[in-house]
Amino acid sequence: MKGTTPSARRDPAARRAIGTALWRIAATALAGGLISATLVRFSPGFGLDERQLDSTVSAQTQEVLRHSHDRERDLPRFYAGYLRAMLRGDLGNSVAFGRPIRELLAERAPLTAGLMIAGAAGAWTLAWLLAIPAAALRSPWPGAASGVLSSVPASVPAAGIAILLFRVGASPVWGIALVLFPKIYQCLHTLLRQSYAMPHVLLARAKGLRGYQIFLRHVLPVARAPLLALIAVSINLAFGASVAIEAVSDLPGLGQLAWKGAVARDLPLLVVLTLGIALVTQVSNLVADILSPAGGRTR
C-alpha cells in the first residue's frame, strides 16, 4: 500500500503481539487462582474451625461457624462472584485474620518488597564477585572454587537456610541472598564465560587491553540484554524464597501471610495472593523474554 511507512505496517503486528501477551497473562493468572481455590476447597479440614471444639463458645456462635464457609463450598459460583467483586476493587475479608485483605496487603507488602530487594542485591553482589574472576581468568581454579561455594547453599532448602540463620542471629536478608545466589551465579558465570570466548573479546585481549577495559567495553555490552532478563527472573525467585524465610523468621510480610493463609485454608486470601503471584510471574517472564536476544529478534 503506497504511502504507508514501515513503522506503520509493523504497528498492527506489534499491537497483536501485545494483545496476545496480555491475554496470556490474564488467562494464566485466572487459571492459577482457580487451581489454588480448588486445592484449598478440597483439602482435608476445609470448612472446620478450631473454635468449634471450644466448649465455652455459645451454641449460636457454633452455628455461625459451621455455616461460615457455605458460600465457598460452591466453588465455581464463589470464584466467579469473587472475581466480579475484585473488578470493583473489593478484595473481601480474610477468614484467618478477620480483617480486610486490602489492609493486610498494604501493611505487609513494604516489608516483603524491602526483603526481596535487599536479598536480591546481596545475591547479585556475591554472584558478580565470584563469576567475574571465574570467567575472566585463564586458570581453572577460580571457577572450580566458585562452583563449590555456590553448590553448598544450593543443596540446602530455603527453610533450612532460614533456620540456620535464625539460630546464629543473622539477618533474614541473607536467607534470600543465599537462596538466590546459586541460581544467579550459575547463569551469570555461563553468560560471562561465553562472552569472554567471543572473537572480538579475544582480539581485545591480544591487543593488550586491561581487564576492566575488556569487561566494560566488550563483555558487558554483549551480556547486557541477557543480564536484564536474568534480573527479571530473579524477582520470582526472591518472592518464592521469602515465603519460607518469613515463615521461619516470623516476619509479618506477604510470605508469612501466604503461609498462615494456607494453614488456615483462608480461601479469599489465598485466591488474591495466587492471582498476584501469577501476574507478577507472568509479567516478569514477559519482560525477560522481551529482553533476551532470542525474544528481541522474534519481535
Protein backbone atom coordinates (compact mmCIF):
# COMPACT_ATOMS: atom_id res chain seq x y z
CA MET A 1 0.00 0.00 0.00
CA LYS A 2 1.55 3.28 -1.15
CA GLY A 3 2.34 5.94 1.38
CA THR A 4 2.44 3.51 4.30
CA THR A 5 5.66 3.70 6.29
CA PRO A 6 7.38 0.54 7.56
CA SER A 7 6.71 1.55 11.16
CA ALA A 8 3.00 1.92 10.42
CA ARG A 9 2.93 -1.52 8.81
CA ARG A 10 4.58 -3.01 11.90
CA ASP A 11 2.15 -1.39 14.30
CA PRO A 12 -0.74 -3.87 13.79
CA ALA A 13 1.63 -6.81 14.35
CA ALA A 14 3.01 -5.16 17.48
CA ARG A 15 -0.48 -4.49 18.78
CA ARG A 16 -1.46 -8.11 18.16
CA ALA A 17 1.65 -9.34 19.96
CA ILE A 18 0.94 -7.09 22.94
CA GLY A 19 -2.71 -8.15 22.99
CA THR A 20 -1.74 -11.83 22.87
CA ALA A 21 0.72 -11.36 25.70
CA LEU A 22 -1.86 -9.57 27.85
CA TRP A 23 -4.45 -12.26 27.22
CA ARG A 24 -1.91 -14.94 28.11
CA ILE A 25 -1.04 -13.15 31.34
CA ALA A 26 -4.70 -12.74 32.29
CA ALA A 27 -5.60 -16.34 31.41
CA THR A 28 -2.66 -17.74 33.36
CA ALA A 29 -3.49 -15.64 36.42
CA LEU A 30 -7.15 -16.66 36.33
CA ALA A 31 -6.26 -20.33 35.89
CA GLY A 32 -3.74 -20.12 38.73
CA GLY A 33 -6.34 -18.58 41.02
CA LEU A 34 -8.89 -21.27 40.16
CA ILE A 35 -6.38 -24.08 40.71
CA SER A 36 -5.36 -22.60 44.07
CA ALA A 37 -9.00 -22.24 45.12
CA THR A 38 -9.73 -25.82 44.07
CA LEU A 39 -6.81 -27.20 46.06
CA VAL A 40 -7.86 -25.28 49.16
CA ARG A 41 -11.54 -26.13 48.77
CA PHE A 42 -10.95 -29.88 48.56
CA SER A 43 -8.09 -30.06 51.06
CA PRO A 44 -8.65 -32.03 54.30
CA GLY A 45 -10.13 -29.93 57.06
CA PHE A 46 -11.63 -27.24 54.82
CA GLY A 47 -14.55 -25.50 56.49
CA LEU A 48 -13.54 -26.54 60.00
CA ASP A 49 -12.70 -24.02 62.71
CA GLU A 50 -10.83 -24.90 65.87
CA ARG A 51 -13.21 -22.68 67.80
CA GLN A 52 -15.90 -25.29 67.17
CA LEU A 53 -14.04 -27.50 69.65
CA ASP A 54 -14.21 -24.85 72.37
CA SER A 55 -16.95 -25.79 74.82
CA THR A 56 -17.17 -22.21 76.08
CA VAL A 57 -18.40 -20.95 72.69
CA SER A 58 -22.15 -20.43 72.62
CA ALA A 59 -24.44 -22.61 70.50
CA GLN A 60 -25.35 -19.62 68.36
CA THR A 61 -21.68 -18.92 67.61
CA GLN A 62 -21.10 -22.60 66.87
CA GLU A 63 -23.91 -22.47 64.32
CA VAL A 64 -22.41 -19.39 62.69
CA LEU A 65 -19.01 -21.09 62.48
CA ARG A 66 -20.50 -24.20 60.89
CA HIS A 67 -22.08 -22.15 58.11
CA SER A 68 -19.25 -19.60 57.67
CA HIS A 69 -17.85 -21.43 54.62
CA ASP A 70 -21.14 -22.31 52.93
CA ARG A 71 -20.61 -19.73 50.19
CA GLU A 72 -17.17 -21.13 49.39
CA ARG A 73 -18.34 -24.73 49.02
CA ASP A 74 -19.90 -23.96 45.64
CA LEU A 75 -16.53 -23.26 44.09
CA PRO A 76 -17.49 -22.08 40.56
CA ARG A 77 -20.07 -19.66 41.91
CA PHE A 78 -17.71 -18.42 44.63
CA TYR A 79 -14.83 -17.86 42.20
CA ALA A 80 -16.97 -16.06 39.63
CA GLY A 81 -18.51 -13.84 42.29
CA TYR A 82 -15.15 -13.13 43.85
CA LEU A 83 -13.67 -12.07 40.52
CA ARG A 84 -16.58 -9.71 39.94
CA ALA A 85 -16.03 -8.19 43.38
CA MET A 86 -12.30 -7.80 42.66
CA LEU A 87 -13.07 -5.89 39.47
CA ARG A 88 -15.00 -3.43 41.64
CA GLY A 89 -11.98 -3.11 43.96
CA ASP A 90 -13.39 -5.29 46.74
CA LEU A 91 -10.84 -7.91 47.82
CA GLY A 92 -13.02 -9.22 50.62
CA ASN A 93 -12.08 -10.15 54.18
CA SER A 94 -9.57 -12.66 55.45
CA VAL A 95 -11.15 -15.54 57.35
CA ALA A 96 -7.96 -16.24 59.31
CA PHE A 97 -7.21 -12.64 60.28
CA GLY A 98 -10.72 -11.22 60.39
CA ARG A 99 -9.62 -8.10 58.53
CA PRO A 100 -9.97 -6.66 55.01
CA ILE A 101 -7.46 -8.26 52.67
CA ARG A 102 -6.61 -4.88 51.15
CA GLU A 103 -5.37 -3.66 54.55
CA LEU A 104 -3.28 -6.80 55.10
CA LEU A 105 -1.60 -6.42 51.70
CA ALA A 106 -0.90 -2.72 52.23
CA GLU A 107 0.67 -3.37 55.64
CA ARG A 108 2.83 -6.33 54.64
CA ALA A 109 3.89 -5.57 51.07
CA PRO A 110 6.58 -2.97 52.00
CA LEU A 111 8.40 -5.41 54.29
CA THR A 112 8.43 -8.17 51.67
CA ALA A 113 9.50 -5.76 48.93
CA GLY A 114 12.37 -4.47 51.04
CA LEU A 115 13.43 -8.01 51.93
CA MET A 116 13.34 -9.09 48.29
CA ILE A 117 15.30 -6.07 47.04
CA ALA A 118 17.99 -6.33 49.72
CA GLY A 119 18.27 -10.11 49.36
CA ALA A 120 18.46 -9.95 45.58
CA ALA A 121 21.10 -7.21 45.79
CA GLY A 122 23.17 -9.38 48.12
CA ALA A 123 22.82 -12.40 45.83
CA TRP A 124 23.85 -10.41 42.75
CA THR A 125 26.82 -8.93 44.59
CA LEU A 126 28.09 -12.37 45.63
CA ALA A 127 27.48 -13.73 42.13
CA TRP A 128 29.41 -10.89 40.46
CA LEU A 129 32.34 -11.20 42.88
CA LEU A 130 32.73 -14.90 42.09
CA ALA A 131 31.63 -15.07 38.46
CA ILE A 132 33.91 -12.37 37.04
CA PRO A 133 37.25 -13.93 38.11
CA ALA A 134 35.95 -17.42 37.34
CA ALA A 135 35.10 -16.38 33.76
CA ALA A 136 37.91 -13.90 33.08
CA LEU A 137 40.96 -15.73 34.43
CA ARG A 138 42.57 -18.42 32.35
CA SER A 139 43.22 -20.65 35.37
CA PRO A 140 40.53 -23.29 36.14
CA TRP A 141 40.92 -22.89 39.90
CA PRO A 142 38.72 -19.79 40.40
CA GLY A 143 35.86 -21.45 38.53
CA ALA A 144 36.20 -24.67 40.49
CA ALA A 145 36.32 -22.85 43.84
CA SER A 146 33.35 -20.67 42.94
CA GLY A 147 31.40 -23.71 41.81
CA VAL A 148 31.96 -25.40 45.17
CA LEU A 149 30.90 -22.28 47.07
CA SER A 150 27.72 -21.94 45.02
CA SER A 151 26.79 -25.61 45.33
CA VAL A 152 26.72 -25.54 49.15
CA PRO A 153 23.68 -23.22 49.57
CA ALA A 154 22.06 -24.84 46.53
CA SER A 155 21.93 -28.17 48.36
CA VAL A 156 20.04 -26.71 51.36
CA PRO A 157 16.30 -25.86 51.11
CA ALA A 158 15.16 -22.32 51.80
CA ALA A 159 13.57 -23.30 55.12
CA GLY A 160 16.84 -24.96 56.21
CA ILE A 161 18.83 -21.82 55.38
CA ALA A 162 16.29 -19.71 57.28
CA ILE A 163 16.59 -21.95 60.36
CA LEU A 164 20.39 -21.83 60.29
CA LEU A 165 20.43 -18.05 60.00
CA PHE A 166 17.82 -17.75 62.75
CA ARG A 167 19.95 -19.85 65.08
CA VAL A 168 23.04 -17.70 64.53
CA GLY A 169 21.07 -14.44 64.69
CA ALA A 170 21.79 -13.37 61.11
CA SER A 171 19.51 -11.09 59.13
CA PRO A 172 16.76 -12.77 57.06
CA VAL A 173 18.07 -10.77 54.10
CA TRP A 174 20.97 -13.22 53.92
CA GLY A 175 18.47 -16.03 53.63
CA ILE A 176 17.05 -14.55 50.43
CA ALA A 177 20.58 -13.88 49.16
CA LEU A 178 21.80 -17.43 49.81
CA VAL A 179 18.74 -18.98 48.17
CA LEU A 180 19.10 -16.84 45.04
CA PHE A 181 22.90 -16.82 44.82
CA PRO A 182 23.49 -20.34 43.35
CA LYS A 183 20.93 -19.89 40.58
CA ILE A 184 22.12 -16.40 39.68
CA TYR A 185 25.78 -17.41 39.82
CA GLN A 186 25.34 -20.39 37.50
CA CYS A 187 23.57 -18.33 34.85
CA LEU A 188 25.91 -15.36 35.24
CA HIS A 189 29.07 -17.49 35.09
CA THR A 190 27.88 -19.26 31.92
CA LEU A 191 26.93 -15.97 30.30
CA LEU A 192 30.25 -14.27 31.10
CA ARG A 193 32.27 -17.28 30.05
CA GLN A 194 30.54 -17.31 26.66
CA SER A 195 31.09 -13.56 26.30
CA TYR A 196 34.79 -13.80 27.12
CA ALA A 197 35.17 -16.52 24.45
CA MET A 198 33.79 -14.32 21.66
CA PRO A 199 36.23 -13.35 18.85
CA HIS A 200 36.20 -9.60 19.48
CA VAL A 201 36.99 -10.17 23.18
CA LEU A 202 39.87 -12.48 22.29
CA LEU A 203 41.14 -9.80 19.89
CA ALA A 204 40.93 -7.18 22.65
CA ARG A 205 42.99 -9.45 24.89
CA ALA A 206 45.55 -9.94 22.13
CA LYS A 207 45.87 -6.17 21.83
CA GLY A 208 46.80 -5.99 25.49
CA LEU A 209 43.79 -4.13 26.86
CA ARG A 210 43.41 -4.14 30.61
CA GLY A 211 40.92 -6.47 32.28
CA TYR A 212 38.47 -3.78 33.34
CA GLN A 213 38.57 -2.26 29.84
CA ILE A 214 37.74 -5.61 28.26
CA PHE A 215 34.92 -6.15 30.72
CA LEU A 216 33.32 -2.71 30.40
CA ARG A 217 33.80 -2.15 26.67
CA HIS A 218 33.44 -5.63 25.17
CA VAL A 219 31.93 -8.14 27.62
CA LEU A 220 29.26 -6.14 29.43
CA PRO A 221 27.58 -4.66 26.29
CA VAL A 222 27.18 -8.15 24.81
CA ALA A 223 25.77 -9.61 28.03
CA ARG A 224 23.54 -6.64 28.88
CA ALA A 225 20.24 -7.95 27.47
CA PRO A 226 20.52 -11.46 28.99
CA LEU A 227 21.52 -9.88 32.30
CA LEU A 228 18.40 -7.74 32.34
CA ALA A 229 16.34 -10.82 31.58
CA LEU A 230 18.02 -12.65 34.47
CA ILE A 231 17.21 -9.76 36.81
CA ALA A 232 13.54 -10.04 35.84
CA VAL A 233 13.55 -13.78 36.57
CA SER A 234 15.24 -13.24 39.93
CA ILE A 235 12.17 -11.29 41.10
CA ASN A 236 10.13 -14.51 41.02
CA LEU A 237 12.88 -16.43 42.80
CA ALA A 238 13.10 -13.79 45.52
CA PHE A 239 9.39 -13.92 46.31
CA GLY A 240 9.39 -17.71 46.38
CA ALA A 241 12.26 -17.65 48.88
CA SER A 242 10.56 -15.01 51.02
CA VAL A 243 7.66 -17.36 51.87
CA ALA A 244 9.90 -19.81 53.73
CA ILE A 245 12.17 -17.09 55.14
CA GLU A 246 9.32 -15.02 56.56
CA ALA A 247 7.51 -18.06 57.93
CA VAL A 248 10.56 -19.33 59.82
CA SER A 249 11.68 -15.87 60.96
CA ASP A 250 8.10 -14.84 61.86
CA LEU A 251 8.31 -11.67 59.77
CA PRO A 252 4.95 -10.00 59.07
CA GLY A 253 5.27 -9.90 55.29
CA LEU A 254 3.41 -11.36 52.33
CA GLY A 255 5.28 -14.63 52.62
CA GLN A 256 4.14 -15.16 56.18
CA LEU A 257 0.65 -14.07 55.14
CA ALA A 258 0.59 -16.76 52.44
CA TRP A 259 1.85 -19.37 54.89
CA LYS A 260 -0.74 -18.58 57.56
CA GLY A 261 -3.47 -18.33 54.95
CA ALA A 262 -2.58 -21.82 53.67
CA VAL A 263 -2.57 -23.28 57.18
CA ALA A 264 -5.96 -21.70 57.94
CA ARG A 265 -7.33 -22.59 54.47
CA ASP A 266 -8.28 -18.96 54.01
CA LEU A 267 -9.78 -19.21 50.53
CA PRO A 268 -10.34 -15.48 49.77
CA LEU A 269 -6.85 -14.55 50.92
CA LEU A 270 -5.15 -17.36 49.00
CA VAL A 271 -7.03 -16.51 45.81
CA VAL A 272 -5.84 -12.89 45.98
CA LEU A 273 -2.25 -13.91 46.70
CA THR A 274 -2.24 -16.53 43.94
CA LEU A 275 -3.59 -14.08 41.39
CA GLY A 276 -0.97 -11.52 42.44
CA ILE A 277 1.89 -14.01 42.28
CA ALA A 278 0.73 -15.29 38.90
CA LEU A 279 0.54 -11.76 37.49
CA VAL A 280 3.99 -10.82 38.79
CA THR A 281 5.44 -14.08 37.47
CA GLN A 282 3.93 -13.69 34.02
CA VAL A 283 4.92 -10.03 33.70
CA SER A 284 8.48 -10.83 34.83
CA ASN A 285 8.70 -13.69 32.34
CA LEU A 286 7.37 -11.45 29.58
CA VAL A 287 9.97 -8.79 30.38
CA ALA A 288 12.69 -11.45 30.47
CA ASP A 289 11.50 -12.81 27.11
CA ILE A 290 11.49 -9.35 25.53
CA LEU A 291 14.96 -8.53 26.87
CA SER A 292 16.53 -11.83 25.86
CA PRO A 293 18.34 -11.84 22.49
CA ALA A 294 16.02 -14.51 21.03
CA GLY A 295 12.94 -12.65 22.20
CA GLY A 296 14.18 -9.40 20.75
CA ARG A 297 14.75 -10.98 17.33
CA THR A 298 11.30 -12.54 17.20
CA ARG A 299 9.51 -9.28 17.88
